[in-house]
């Protein structure tokens, strides 16, 4: 069973399980998940590292759309997984784990899901690493879009004047990593070849250099 189907099955189980054998609301959790994904796209914004989305989310539905027998805490947790998976699938940047707060209001029409949110920094599990060739550092890659450079706003900051203020972006999307050079002065090198203007796929074992700083890319299982 793939990840998406497994998530859909868990959402279905919230209303099909022993605790809620009859779904009485109009909005099935699977439908709610689809609406939340579309709302995330509407809530997206452009940041220094590209498209970003809020990770602390409040969603509001009409009371009649929510089965009173449903486990709201479990539903919120599953919807947080939906948002996290959508962000990873589309390469949307989030600065922390997703958290969903579900509310009801008679002011929201039936069949409608309203969403709002804020970016709230928090600890993310790394999906990859950049390991310094000289053994001096291990840099975790945990965001779906990681800005690398000398600037204070960068996610990975190198205090080295060979590195540009905004040097490169590493993107994690659909379980693949790519790297984009941002027109850096000294270039981004992959196995000794200078990266052009187009994104390049990162393969485990690739030597990535930012100016005179060299790292080996590896994935984290």
N, C-alpha and C. Protein backbone atom coordinates (compact mmCIF):
# COMPACT_ATOMS: atom_id res chain seq x y z
N UNK A 1 0.85 -1.19 0.00
CA UNK A 1 0.00 0.00 0.00
C UNK A 1 0.88 1.24 0.00
N UNK A 2 0.68 2.16 -0.97
CA UNK A 2 1.52 3.34 -1.02
C UNK A 2 1.10 4.34 0.05
N UNK A 3 1.92 5.39 0.21
CA UNK A 3 1.71 6.34 1.30
C UNK A 3 0.37 7.03 1.18
N UNK A 4 0.02 7.49 -0.04
CA UNK A 4 -1.23 8.22 -0.23
C UNK A 4 -2.43 7.33 0.07
N UNK A 5 -2.40 6.09 -0.42
CA UNK A 5 -3.51 5.19 -0.19
C UNK A 5 -3.61 4.82 1.29
N UNK A 6 -2.46 4.65 1.95
CA UNK A 6 -2.49 4.35 3.38
C UNK A 6 -3.11 5.47 4.17
N UNK A 7 -2.79 6.72 3.81
CA UNK A 7 -3.35 7.87 4.49
C UNK A 7 -4.86 7.94 4.25
N UNK A 8 -5.29 7.69 3.02
CA UNK A 8 -6.72 7.70 2.70
C UNK A 8 -7.46 6.63 3.49
N UNK A 9 -6.84 5.46 3.63
CA UNK A 9 -7.46 4.38 4.39
C UNK A 9 -7.64 4.77 5.85
N UNK A 10 -6.63 5.43 6.42
CA UNK A 10 -6.75 5.85 7.83
C UNK A 10 -7.86 6.88 8.00
N UNK A 11 -8.00 7.79 7.02
CA UNK A 11 -9.07 8.78 7.08
C UNK A 11 -10.43 8.10 6.99
N UNK A 12 -10.53 7.10 6.12
CA UNK A 12 -11.79 6.36 6.00
C UNK A 12 -12.11 5.63 7.29
N UNK A 13 -11.09 5.11 7.94
CA UNK A 13 -11.29 4.35 9.18
C UNK A 13 -11.85 5.22 10.30
N UNK A 14 -11.60 6.53 10.23
CA UNK A 14 -12.10 7.42 11.27
C UNK A 14 -13.63 7.42 11.32
N UNK A 15 -14.26 7.17 10.18
CA UNK A 15 -15.73 7.15 10.16
C UNK A 15 -16.28 5.75 9.95
N UNK A 16 -15.44 4.82 9.56
CA UNK A 16 -15.91 3.46 9.30
C UNK A 16 -15.57 2.49 10.42
N UNK A 17 -14.85 2.98 11.42
CA UNK A 17 -14.40 2.10 12.49
C UNK A 17 -15.48 1.87 13.54
N UNK A 18 -15.10 1.17 14.61
CA UNK A 18 -16.04 0.81 15.67
C UNK A 18 -16.60 2.04 16.36
N UNK A 19 -15.79 3.07 16.56
CA UNK A 19 -16.23 4.24 17.31
C UNK A 19 -17.20 5.10 16.54
N UNK A 20 -17.26 4.94 15.21
CA UNK A 20 -18.16 5.77 14.40
C UNK A 20 -18.58 4.97 13.19
N UNK A 21 -19.45 4.02 13.41
CA UNK A 21 -19.80 3.09 12.35
C UNK A 21 -20.68 3.71 11.27
N UNK A 22 -21.37 4.78 11.59
CA UNK A 22 -22.23 5.43 10.61
C UNK A 22 -21.78 6.88 10.45
N UNK A 23 -21.47 7.25 9.23
CA UNK A 23 -21.02 8.62 8.98
C UNK A 23 -22.23 9.50 8.74
N UNK A 24 -22.47 10.43 9.63
CA UNK A 24 -23.68 11.24 9.55
C UNK A 24 -23.42 12.64 8.99
N UNK A 25 -22.16 13.04 8.96
CA UNK A 25 -21.86 14.37 8.45
C UNK A 25 -21.84 14.39 6.94
N UNK A 26 -21.90 15.59 6.38
CA UNK A 26 -21.90 15.72 4.92
C UNK A 26 -20.48 15.65 4.37
N UNK A 27 -19.50 16.10 5.16
CA UNK A 27 -18.14 16.17 4.65
C UNK A 27 -17.32 14.99 5.18
N UNK A 28 -17.05 14.03 4.33
CA UNK A 28 -16.23 12.88 4.70
C UNK A 28 -14.79 13.35 4.94
N UNK A 29 -14.06 12.75 5.89
CA UNK A 29 -12.67 13.15 6.11
C UNK A 29 -11.80 13.12 4.86
N UNK A 30 -12.05 12.18 3.94
CA UNK A 30 -11.26 12.15 2.71
C UNK A 30 -11.55 13.41 1.88
N UNK A 31 -12.82 13.83 1.83
CA UNK A 31 -13.18 15.08 1.15
C UNK A 31 -12.55 16.27 1.85
N UNK A 32 -12.57 16.25 3.18
CA UNK A 32 -11.96 17.32 3.97
C UNK A 32 -10.47 17.42 3.66
N UNK A 33 -9.81 16.28 3.51
CA UNK A 33 -8.38 16.27 3.20
C UNK A 33 -8.10 16.92 1.85
N UNK A 34 -8.94 16.60 0.85
CA UNK A 34 -8.75 17.21 -0.46
C UNK A 34 -8.95 18.71 -0.42
N UNK A 35 -9.96 19.15 0.32
CA UNK A 35 -10.22 20.59 0.44
C UNK A 35 -9.07 21.28 1.17
N UNK A 36 -8.50 20.63 2.19
CA UNK A 36 -7.39 21.22 2.92
C UNK A 36 -6.18 21.39 2.01
N UNK A 37 -5.91 20.40 1.17
CA UNK A 37 -4.78 20.52 0.24
C UNK A 37 -4.96 21.71 -0.69
N UNK A 38 -6.18 21.90 -1.20
CA UNK A 38 -6.43 23.05 -2.08
C UNK A 38 -6.31 24.36 -1.31
N UNK A 39 -6.76 24.37 -0.06
CA UNK A 39 -6.63 25.58 0.75
C UNK A 39 -5.17 25.92 1.01
N UNK A 40 -4.34 24.89 1.21
CA UNK A 40 -2.90 25.14 1.41
C UNK A 40 -2.31 25.87 0.22
N UNK A 41 -2.74 25.47 -0.98
CA UNK A 41 -2.24 26.13 -2.18
C UNK A 41 -2.65 27.60 -2.18
N UNK A 42 -3.88 27.89 -1.76
CA UNK A 42 -4.35 29.28 -1.69
C UNK A 42 -3.58 30.08 -0.63
N UNK A 43 -3.16 29.39 0.44
CA UNK A 43 -2.45 30.05 1.53
C UNK A 43 -0.95 30.19 1.27
N UNK A 44 -0.47 29.61 0.18
CA UNK A 44 0.97 29.64 -0.10
C UNK A 44 1.44 31.07 -0.38
N UNK A 45 2.71 31.30 -0.13
CA UNK A 45 3.30 32.62 -0.36
C UNK A 45 4.74 32.45 -0.82
N UNK A 46 5.26 33.49 -1.43
CA UNK A 46 6.62 33.44 -1.95
C UNK A 46 7.59 33.97 -0.91
N UNK A 47 8.61 33.16 -0.60
CA UNK A 47 9.65 33.57 0.33
C UNK A 47 11.01 33.53 -0.33
N UNK A 48 12.07 33.83 0.40
CA UNK A 48 13.42 33.81 -0.18
C UNK A 48 13.80 32.48 -0.81
N UNK A 49 13.24 31.37 -0.28
CA UNK A 49 13.56 30.04 -0.80
C UNK A 49 12.49 29.53 -1.76
N UNK A 50 11.52 30.37 -2.13
CA UNK A 50 10.47 29.95 -3.03
C UNK A 50 9.14 29.77 -2.32
N UNK A 51 8.29 28.93 -2.87
CA UNK A 51 6.92 28.78 -2.35
C UNK A 51 6.93 28.16 -0.95
N UNK A 52 6.21 28.82 -0.04
CA UNK A 52 6.10 28.36 1.34
C UNK A 52 4.63 28.32 1.74
N UNK A 53 4.33 27.51 2.75
CA UNK A 53 2.97 27.41 3.27
C UNK A 53 3.01 27.49 4.79
N UNK A 54 1.92 27.98 5.40
CA UNK A 54 1.86 27.96 6.87
C UNK A 54 1.74 26.54 7.38
N UNK A 55 2.29 26.29 8.54
CA UNK A 55 2.25 24.94 9.10
C UNK A 55 1.37 24.83 10.33
N UNK A 56 1.00 25.96 10.95
CA UNK A 56 0.08 25.96 12.07
C UNK A 56 -1.28 26.38 11.52
N UNK A 57 -2.19 25.41 11.34
CA UNK A 57 -3.40 25.61 10.56
C UNK A 57 -4.65 25.49 11.42
N UNK A 58 -5.59 26.41 11.17
CA UNK A 58 -6.92 26.32 11.76
C UNK A 58 -7.91 26.14 10.63
N UNK A 59 -8.71 25.07 10.68
CA UNK A 59 -9.72 24.86 9.67
C UNK A 59 -11.09 24.88 10.34
N UNK A 60 -12.06 25.46 9.63
CA UNK A 60 -13.40 25.65 10.19
C UNK A 60 -14.42 25.08 9.22
N UNK A 61 -15.34 24.27 9.75
CA UNK A 61 -16.42 23.71 8.95
C UNK A 61 -17.74 23.96 9.69
N UNK A 62 -18.85 23.78 8.97
CA UNK A 62 -20.16 23.89 9.59
C UNK A 62 -20.34 22.72 10.57
N UNK A 63 -20.99 22.95 11.73
CA UNK A 63 -21.16 21.86 12.70
C UNK A 63 -21.83 20.61 12.12
N UNK A 64 -22.76 20.81 11.18
CA UNK A 64 -23.46 19.66 10.61
C UNK A 64 -22.57 18.83 9.70
N UNK A 65 -21.41 19.37 9.31
CA UNK A 65 -20.49 18.64 8.44
C UNK A 65 -19.53 17.75 9.22
N UNK A 66 -19.59 17.82 10.54
CA UNK A 66 -18.67 17.04 11.37
C UNK A 66 -19.47 16.03 12.17
N UNK A 67 -19.19 14.75 11.96
CA UNK A 67 -19.86 13.68 12.69
C UNK A 67 -19.56 13.84 14.19
N UNK A 68 -20.58 13.98 15.04
CA UNK A 68 -20.33 14.17 16.48
C UNK A 68 -19.64 12.97 17.14
N UNK A 69 -19.67 11.81 16.48
CA UNK A 69 -19.04 10.62 17.06
C UNK A 69 -17.56 10.50 16.68
N UNK A 70 -17.09 11.36 15.81
CA UNK A 70 -15.72 11.21 15.31
C UNK A 70 -14.71 11.64 16.37
N UNK A 71 -13.56 11.01 16.37
CA UNK A 71 -12.45 11.36 17.26
C UNK A 71 -11.74 12.57 16.65
N UNK A 72 -12.02 13.76 17.19
CA UNK A 72 -11.50 14.99 16.61
C UNK A 72 -9.98 15.04 16.69
N UNK A 73 -9.41 14.59 17.81
CA UNK A 73 -7.95 14.60 17.93
C UNK A 73 -7.30 13.74 16.84
N UNK A 74 -7.88 12.56 16.59
CA UNK A 74 -7.34 11.68 15.55
C UNK A 74 -7.50 12.32 14.18
N UNK A 75 -8.64 12.97 13.95
CA UNK A 75 -8.86 13.62 12.66
C UNK A 75 -7.86 14.75 12.46
N UNK A 76 -7.62 15.54 13.49
CA UNK A 76 -6.64 16.63 13.38
C UNK A 76 -5.25 16.08 13.06
N UNK A 77 -4.88 14.98 13.71
CA UNK A 77 -3.57 14.38 13.46
C UNK A 77 -3.46 13.88 12.02
N UNK A 78 -4.53 13.24 11.51
CA UNK A 78 -4.49 12.75 10.13
C UNK A 78 -4.45 13.90 9.13
N UNK A 79 -5.17 14.97 9.41
CA UNK A 79 -5.15 16.12 8.50
C UNK A 79 -3.79 16.82 8.52
N UNK A 80 -3.12 16.79 9.68
CA UNK A 80 -1.76 17.32 9.73
C UNK A 80 -0.84 16.49 8.84
N UNK A 81 -1.04 15.17 8.82
CA UNK A 81 -0.27 14.31 7.92
C UNK A 81 -0.57 14.63 6.46
N UNK A 82 -1.86 14.89 6.17
CA UNK A 82 -2.25 15.27 4.81
C UNK A 82 -1.49 16.51 4.37
N UNK A 83 -1.45 17.53 5.23
CA UNK A 83 -0.76 18.78 4.90
C UNK A 83 0.74 18.55 4.72
N UNK A 84 1.32 17.74 5.61
CA UNK A 84 2.75 17.45 5.51
C UNK A 84 3.09 16.72 4.22
N UNK A 85 2.27 15.73 3.88
CA UNK A 85 2.51 14.96 2.65
C UNK A 85 2.33 15.82 1.41
N UNK A 86 1.33 16.71 1.43
CA UNK A 86 1.12 17.61 0.29
C UNK A 86 2.31 18.53 0.11
N UNK A 87 2.83 19.07 1.22
CA UNK A 87 3.99 19.96 1.14
C UNK A 87 5.20 19.23 0.58
N UNK A 88 5.40 17.99 0.99
CA UNK A 88 6.53 17.20 0.48
C UNK A 88 6.34 16.84 -0.99
N UNK A 89 5.10 16.58 -1.38
CA UNK A 89 4.81 16.20 -2.76
C UNK A 89 5.04 17.36 -3.72
N UNK A 90 4.67 18.56 -3.29
CA UNK A 90 4.75 19.73 -4.17
C UNK A 90 5.99 20.59 -3.92
N UNK A 91 6.78 20.23 -2.92
CA UNK A 91 7.98 21.00 -2.64
C UNK A 91 7.70 22.34 -2.00
N UNK A 92 6.62 22.41 -1.19
CA UNK A 92 6.29 23.64 -0.47
C UNK A 92 7.10 23.69 0.82
N UNK A 93 7.67 24.82 1.09
CA UNK A 93 8.47 25.00 2.29
C UNK A 93 7.58 25.18 3.53
N UNK A 94 7.92 24.51 4.60
CA UNK A 94 7.28 24.69 5.90
C UNK A 94 8.40 24.77 6.93
N UNK A 95 8.27 25.70 7.87
CA UNK A 95 9.36 25.95 8.82
C UNK A 95 9.27 25.08 10.07
N UNK A 96 8.23 24.27 10.16
CA UNK A 96 8.08 23.39 11.31
C UNK A 96 7.06 22.31 11.02
N UNK A 97 6.83 21.41 11.97
CA UNK A 97 5.83 20.36 11.76
C UNK A 97 4.44 20.95 11.58
N UNK A 98 3.58 20.24 10.87
CA UNK A 98 2.21 20.71 10.67
C UNK A 98 1.37 20.38 11.89
N UNK A 99 0.53 21.35 12.26
CA UNK A 99 -0.40 21.18 13.37
C UNK A 99 -1.75 21.71 12.89
N UNK A 100 -2.81 20.92 13.05
CA UNK A 100 -4.14 21.30 12.57
C UNK A 100 -5.09 21.43 13.75
N UNK A 101 -5.84 22.54 13.78
CA UNK A 101 -6.85 22.78 14.80
C UNK A 101 -8.20 22.86 14.08
N UNK A 102 -9.09 21.97 14.43
CA UNK A 102 -10.39 21.88 13.77
C UNK A 102 -11.45 22.57 14.62
N UNK A 103 -12.18 23.50 14.00
CA UNK A 103 -13.25 24.23 14.68
C UNK A 103 -14.52 24.16 13.85
N UNK A 104 -15.65 24.43 14.48
CA UNK A 104 -16.92 24.50 13.77
C UNK A 104 -17.55 25.87 13.97
N UNK A 105 -18.29 26.30 12.97
CA UNK A 105 -18.99 27.59 13.05
C UNK A 105 -20.19 27.57 12.12
N UNK A 106 -21.31 28.09 12.63
CA UNK A 106 -22.51 28.18 11.80
C UNK A 106 -22.35 29.23 10.70
N UNK A 107 -21.34 30.06 10.80
CA UNK A 107 -21.13 31.09 9.78
C UNK A 107 -20.51 30.52 8.50
N UNK A 108 -19.99 29.30 8.58
CA UNK A 108 -19.41 28.65 7.40
C UNK A 108 -20.50 27.83 6.71
N UNK A 109 -20.73 28.03 5.43
CA UNK A 109 -21.76 27.25 4.73
C UNK A 109 -21.43 25.76 4.74
N UNK A 110 -22.46 24.94 4.71
CA UNK A 110 -22.25 23.50 4.65
C UNK A 110 -21.49 23.13 3.39
N UNK A 111 -20.59 22.17 3.53
CA UNK A 111 -19.79 21.71 2.40
C UNK A 111 -18.57 22.56 2.13
N UNK A 112 -18.36 23.61 2.93
CA UNK A 112 -17.22 24.50 2.74
C UNK A 112 -16.22 24.30 3.88
N UNK A 113 -14.95 24.32 3.53
CA UNK A 113 -13.88 24.28 4.53
C UNK A 113 -13.07 25.56 4.41
N UNK A 114 -13.00 26.30 5.50
CA UNK A 114 -12.19 27.52 5.53
C UNK A 114 -10.90 27.24 6.30
N UNK A 115 -9.81 27.80 5.83
CA UNK A 115 -8.51 27.55 6.47
C UNK A 115 -7.71 28.84 6.59
N UNK A 116 -6.98 28.93 7.66
CA UNK A 116 -6.04 30.03 7.88
C UNK A 116 -4.85 29.45 8.63
N UNK A 117 -3.74 30.15 8.61
CA UNK A 117 -2.58 29.60 9.31
C UNK A 117 -1.41 30.56 9.35
N UNK A 118 -0.42 30.16 10.11
CA UNK A 118 0.81 30.93 10.27
C UNK A 118 2.01 29.99 10.21
N UNK A 119 3.14 30.51 9.74
CA UNK A 119 4.38 29.72 9.83
C UNK A 119 4.94 29.78 11.25
N UNK A 120 5.06 28.62 11.87
CA UNK A 120 5.57 28.54 13.25
C UNK A 120 6.81 27.64 13.24
N UNK A 121 7.99 28.20 13.51
CA UNK A 121 9.20 27.38 13.48
C UNK A 121 9.15 26.24 14.48
N UNK A 122 9.72 25.11 14.08
CA UNK A 122 9.78 23.95 14.95
C UNK A 122 10.74 22.93 14.37
N UNK A 123 11.01 21.90 15.15
CA UNK A 123 11.98 20.88 14.74
C UNK A 123 11.38 19.95 13.70
N UNK A 124 12.09 19.78 12.59
CA UNK A 124 11.71 18.86 11.53
C UNK A 124 12.73 17.75 11.42
N UNK A 125 12.26 16.54 11.17
CA UNK A 125 13.17 15.43 10.98
C UNK A 125 13.90 15.58 9.64
N UNK A 126 15.23 15.41 9.61
CA UNK A 126 15.96 15.56 8.35
C UNK A 126 15.67 14.43 7.37
N UNK A 127 15.60 14.78 6.10
CA UNK A 127 15.47 13.79 5.03
C UNK A 127 16.80 13.56 4.32
N UNK A 128 17.76 14.46 4.56
CA UNK A 128 19.07 14.34 3.93
C UNK A 128 20.14 15.07 4.73
N UNK A 129 21.38 14.91 4.29
CA UNK A 129 22.52 15.56 4.95
C UNK A 129 23.55 16.00 3.92
N UNK A 130 24.25 17.07 4.25
CA UNK A 130 25.46 17.46 3.55
C UNK A 130 26.62 17.26 4.52
N UNK A 131 27.52 16.36 4.18
CA UNK A 131 28.63 16.00 5.07
C UNK A 131 29.91 16.61 4.52
N UNK A 132 30.54 17.48 5.30
CA UNK A 132 31.76 18.15 4.85
C UNK A 132 32.82 17.12 4.48
N UNK A 133 33.42 17.31 3.32
CA UNK A 133 34.45 16.37 2.84
C UNK A 133 35.62 16.29 3.81
N UNK A 134 35.92 17.40 4.48
CA UNK A 134 37.03 17.40 5.44
C UNK A 134 36.62 16.89 6.82
N UNK A 135 35.36 16.47 6.94
CA UNK A 135 34.89 15.90 8.20
C UNK A 135 34.55 16.92 9.28
N UNK A 136 34.51 18.19 8.93
CA UNK A 136 34.34 19.23 9.94
C UNK A 136 32.89 19.49 10.32
N UNK A 137 31.92 19.03 9.50
CA UNK A 137 30.53 19.37 9.79
C UNK A 137 29.58 18.38 9.11
N UNK A 138 28.43 18.22 9.72
CA UNK A 138 27.31 17.50 9.11
C UNK A 138 26.12 18.44 9.13
N UNK A 139 25.62 18.80 7.96
CA UNK A 139 24.53 19.76 7.83
C UNK A 139 23.23 19.01 7.53
N UNK A 140 22.26 19.04 8.44
CA UNK A 140 20.99 18.35 8.17
C UNK A 140 20.14 19.15 7.18
N UNK A 141 19.43 18.44 6.32
CA UNK A 141 18.47 19.04 5.40
C UNK A 141 17.09 18.55 5.84
N UNK A 142 16.27 19.46 6.34
CA UNK A 142 14.98 19.04 6.90
C UNK A 142 13.79 19.74 6.27
N UNK A 143 13.98 20.92 5.70
CA UNK A 143 12.88 21.62 5.05
C UNK A 143 12.75 21.15 3.60
N UNK A 144 11.56 21.33 3.04
CA UNK A 144 11.36 20.96 1.64
C UNK A 144 12.07 21.93 0.69
N UNK A 145 12.34 23.13 1.16
CA UNK A 145 13.14 24.10 0.40
C UNK A 145 14.13 24.72 1.37
N UNK A 146 15.40 24.46 1.19
CA UNK A 146 16.45 24.92 2.10
C UNK A 146 17.32 25.95 1.41
N UNK A 147 17.33 27.16 1.95
CA UNK A 147 18.13 28.25 1.39
C UNK A 147 19.53 28.21 2.00
N UNK A 148 20.53 28.16 1.13
CA UNK A 148 21.93 28.07 1.55
C UNK A 148 22.66 29.34 1.12
N UNK A 149 23.42 29.91 2.03
CA UNK A 149 24.18 31.11 1.67
C UNK A 149 24.85 31.74 2.88
N UNK A 150 25.29 32.97 2.69
CA UNK A 150 25.99 33.71 3.73
C UNK A 150 25.06 34.62 4.52
N UNK A 151 23.86 34.89 3.97
CA UNK A 151 22.93 35.82 4.60
C UNK A 151 22.36 35.29 5.91
N UNK A 152 22.02 36.21 6.78
CA UNK A 152 21.50 35.84 8.10
C UNK A 152 20.17 35.10 7.99
N UNK A 153 19.41 35.34 6.91
CA UNK A 153 18.11 34.71 6.76
C UNK A 153 18.18 33.30 6.19
N UNK A 154 19.38 32.83 5.84
CA UNK A 154 19.51 31.51 5.23
C UNK A 154 19.29 30.40 6.25
N UNK A 155 18.77 29.28 5.79
CA UNK A 155 18.57 28.12 6.66
C UNK A 155 19.89 27.45 6.98
N UNK A 156 20.76 27.37 5.98
CA UNK A 156 22.13 26.86 6.17
C UNK A 156 23.04 28.03 5.86
N UNK A 157 23.75 28.52 6.88
CA UNK A 157 24.55 29.74 6.73
C UNK A 157 26.03 29.42 6.87
N UNK A 158 26.79 29.86 5.86
CA UNK A 158 28.24 29.69 5.88
C UNK A 158 28.89 31.07 5.94
N UNK A 159 29.67 31.31 6.98
CA UNK A 159 30.37 32.59 7.12
C UNK A 159 31.68 32.51 6.33
N UNK A 160 31.54 32.47 5.02
CA UNK A 160 32.68 32.31 4.13
C UNK A 160 32.42 33.18 2.90
N UNK A 161 33.36 34.07 2.59
CA UNK A 161 33.12 35.02 1.52
C UNK A 161 33.23 34.41 0.12
N UNK A 162 33.55 33.13 0.05
CA UNK A 162 33.43 32.41 -1.22
C UNK A 162 31.97 32.07 -1.51
N UNK A 163 31.15 32.15 -0.46
CA UNK A 163 29.73 31.81 -0.56
C UNK A 163 28.92 33.09 -0.71
N UNK A 164 28.00 33.12 -1.67
CA UNK A 164 27.15 34.29 -1.89
C UNK A 164 26.10 34.40 -0.79
N UNK A 165 25.51 35.60 -0.68
CA UNK A 165 24.50 35.82 0.37
C UNK A 165 23.34 34.85 0.21
N UNK A 166 22.81 34.73 -0.99
CA UNK A 166 21.86 33.68 -1.34
C UNK A 166 22.53 32.84 -2.42
N UNK A 167 23.06 31.70 -2.04
CA UNK A 167 23.92 30.93 -2.95
C UNK A 167 23.14 29.86 -3.74
N UNK A 168 22.35 29.06 -3.02
CA UNK A 168 21.65 27.95 -3.68
C UNK A 168 20.45 27.54 -2.84
N UNK A 169 19.55 26.80 -3.47
CA UNK A 169 18.40 26.22 -2.79
C UNK A 169 18.39 24.71 -3.06
N UNK A 170 18.20 23.93 -2.00
CA UNK A 170 18.01 22.50 -2.15
C UNK A 170 16.52 22.22 -1.95
N UNK A 171 15.91 21.55 -2.91
CA UNK A 171 14.46 21.29 -2.90
C UNK A 171 14.22 19.80 -2.73
N UNK A 172 13.34 19.46 -1.79
CA UNK A 172 12.88 18.08 -1.60
C UNK A 172 11.44 18.03 -2.08
N UNK A 173 11.20 17.29 -3.16
CA UNK A 173 9.87 17.23 -3.75
C UNK A 173 9.64 15.83 -4.32
N UNK A 174 8.49 15.25 -3.95
CA UNK A 174 8.13 13.91 -4.43
C UNK A 174 9.27 12.92 -4.22
N UNK A 175 9.90 13.00 -3.05
CA UNK A 175 10.97 12.09 -2.62
C UNK A 175 12.20 12.15 -3.52
N UNK A 176 12.42 13.30 -4.14
CA UNK A 176 13.65 13.54 -4.90
C UNK A 176 14.23 14.89 -4.51
N UNK A 177 15.55 14.95 -4.47
CA UNK A 177 16.23 16.19 -4.13
C UNK A 177 16.83 16.82 -5.38
N UNK A 178 16.65 18.12 -5.50
CA UNK A 178 17.29 18.88 -6.57
C UNK A 178 17.96 20.10 -5.96
N UNK A 179 18.89 20.66 -6.69
CA UNK A 179 19.59 21.85 -6.23
C UNK A 179 19.55 22.91 -7.32
N UNK A 180 19.38 24.15 -6.89
CA UNK A 180 19.27 25.28 -7.81
C UNK A 180 20.30 26.33 -7.40
N UNK A 181 21.17 26.71 -8.30
CA UNK A 181 22.11 27.80 -8.03
C UNK A 181 21.38 29.12 -8.24
N UNK A 182 21.61 30.08 -7.36
CA UNK A 182 20.91 31.36 -7.40
C UNK A 182 21.76 32.46 -8.01
N UNK A 183 22.54 32.10 -9.03
CA UNK A 183 23.41 33.09 -9.66
C UNK A 183 24.58 33.48 -8.77
N UNK A 184 25.08 32.53 -7.99
CA UNK A 184 26.16 32.81 -7.05
C UNK A 184 27.43 33.22 -7.78
N UNK A 185 28.24 34.04 -7.12
CA UNK A 185 29.47 34.56 -7.73
C UNK A 185 30.47 33.46 -8.05
N UNK A 186 30.67 32.53 -7.11
CA UNK A 186 31.67 31.49 -7.28
C UNK A 186 31.09 30.15 -7.70
N UNK A 187 29.78 30.10 -7.90
CA UNK A 187 29.16 28.92 -8.47
C UNK A 187 28.90 27.79 -7.48
N UNK A 188 28.02 26.90 -7.91
CA UNK A 188 27.73 25.66 -7.20
C UNK A 188 28.22 24.53 -8.09
N UNK A 189 29.06 23.66 -7.55
CA UNK A 189 29.68 22.59 -8.34
C UNK A 189 29.11 21.24 -7.91
N UNK A 190 28.81 20.40 -8.89
CA UNK A 190 28.39 19.02 -8.64
C UNK A 190 29.44 18.10 -9.23
N UNK A 191 30.16 17.40 -8.36
CA UNK A 191 31.26 16.51 -8.80
C UNK A 191 32.23 17.24 -9.70
N UNK A 192 32.51 18.51 -9.38
CA UNK A 192 33.50 19.30 -10.11
C UNK A 192 32.97 20.07 -11.30
N UNK A 193 31.71 19.83 -11.68
CA UNK A 193 31.13 20.54 -12.81
C UNK A 193 30.22 21.65 -12.31
N UNK A 194 30.40 22.83 -12.90
CA UNK A 194 29.62 23.98 -12.45
C UNK A 194 28.15 23.82 -12.86
N UNK A 195 27.27 24.05 -11.90
CA UNK A 195 25.84 23.96 -12.15
C UNK A 195 25.39 25.18 -12.96
N UNK A 196 24.58 24.93 -13.98
CA UNK A 196 24.06 26.01 -14.80
C UNK A 196 22.84 26.65 -14.16
N UNK A 197 22.00 27.23 -14.99
CA UNK A 197 20.83 27.95 -14.49
C UNK A 197 19.65 27.03 -14.20
N UNK A 198 19.72 25.78 -14.66
CA UNK A 198 18.61 24.85 -14.46
C UNK A 198 18.83 24.00 -13.21
N UNK A 199 17.74 23.58 -12.54
CA UNK A 199 17.88 22.68 -11.39
C UNK A 199 18.55 21.37 -11.80
N UNK A 200 19.30 20.79 -10.88
CA UNK A 200 19.96 19.50 -11.13
C UNK A 200 19.58 18.54 -10.01
N UNK A 201 19.39 17.29 -10.36
CA UNK A 201 19.04 16.28 -9.36
C UNK A 201 20.25 15.96 -8.51
N UNK A 202 19.99 15.79 -7.22
CA UNK A 202 21.04 15.38 -6.28
C UNK A 202 20.93 13.88 -6.06
N UNK A 203 22.01 13.19 -6.32
CA UNK A 203 22.07 11.74 -6.13
C UNK A 203 22.99 11.47 -4.94
N UNK A 204 22.59 10.56 -4.04
CA UNK A 204 23.47 10.25 -2.91
C UNK A 204 24.89 9.94 -3.36
N UNK A 205 25.84 10.54 -2.66
CA UNK A 205 27.26 10.38 -3.02
C UNK A 205 27.80 11.53 -3.83
N UNK A 206 26.91 12.42 -4.34
CA UNK A 206 27.36 13.57 -5.11
C UNK A 206 28.17 14.52 -4.22
N UNK A 207 29.28 15.02 -4.77
CA UNK A 207 30.06 16.06 -4.09
C UNK A 207 29.52 17.41 -4.52
N UNK A 208 29.01 18.17 -3.55
CA UNK A 208 28.44 19.49 -3.81
C UNK A 208 29.36 20.53 -3.21
N UNK A 209 29.74 21.52 -4.02
CA UNK A 209 30.65 22.57 -3.54
C UNK A 209 29.99 23.93 -3.68
N UNK A 210 30.08 24.70 -2.62
CA UNK A 210 29.63 26.09 -2.61
C UNK A 210 30.89 26.94 -2.44
N UNK A 211 31.34 27.55 -3.52
CA UNK A 211 32.63 28.20 -3.46
C UNK A 211 33.70 27.17 -3.17
N UNK A 212 34.47 27.36 -2.09
CA UNK A 212 35.53 26.40 -1.76
C UNK A 212 35.13 25.42 -0.65
N UNK A 213 33.82 25.34 -0.35
CA UNK A 213 33.32 24.42 0.66
C UNK A 213 32.70 23.21 -0.02
N UNK A 214 33.20 22.01 0.27
CA UNK A 214 32.76 20.80 -0.42
C UNK A 214 32.07 19.86 0.56
N UNK A 215 30.95 19.28 0.11
CA UNK A 215 30.15 18.37 0.92
C UNK A 215 29.73 17.16 0.09
N UNK A 216 29.51 16.06 0.79
CA UNK A 216 28.92 14.88 0.16
C UNK A 216 27.45 14.82 0.55
N UNK A 217 26.59 14.65 -0.46
CA UNK A 217 25.15 14.55 -0.18
C UNK A 217 24.77 13.11 0.11
N UNK A 218 23.97 12.92 1.16
CA UNK A 218 23.43 11.60 1.44
C UNK A 218 21.98 11.76 1.92
N UNK A 219 21.19 10.71 1.69
CA UNK A 219 19.83 10.69 2.19
C UNK A 219 19.80 10.08 3.59
N UNK A 220 18.78 10.46 4.35
CA UNK A 220 18.57 9.88 5.67
C UNK A 220 17.40 8.94 5.59
N UNK A 221 17.61 7.70 5.95
CA UNK A 221 16.55 6.68 5.84
C UNK A 221 15.45 6.98 6.84
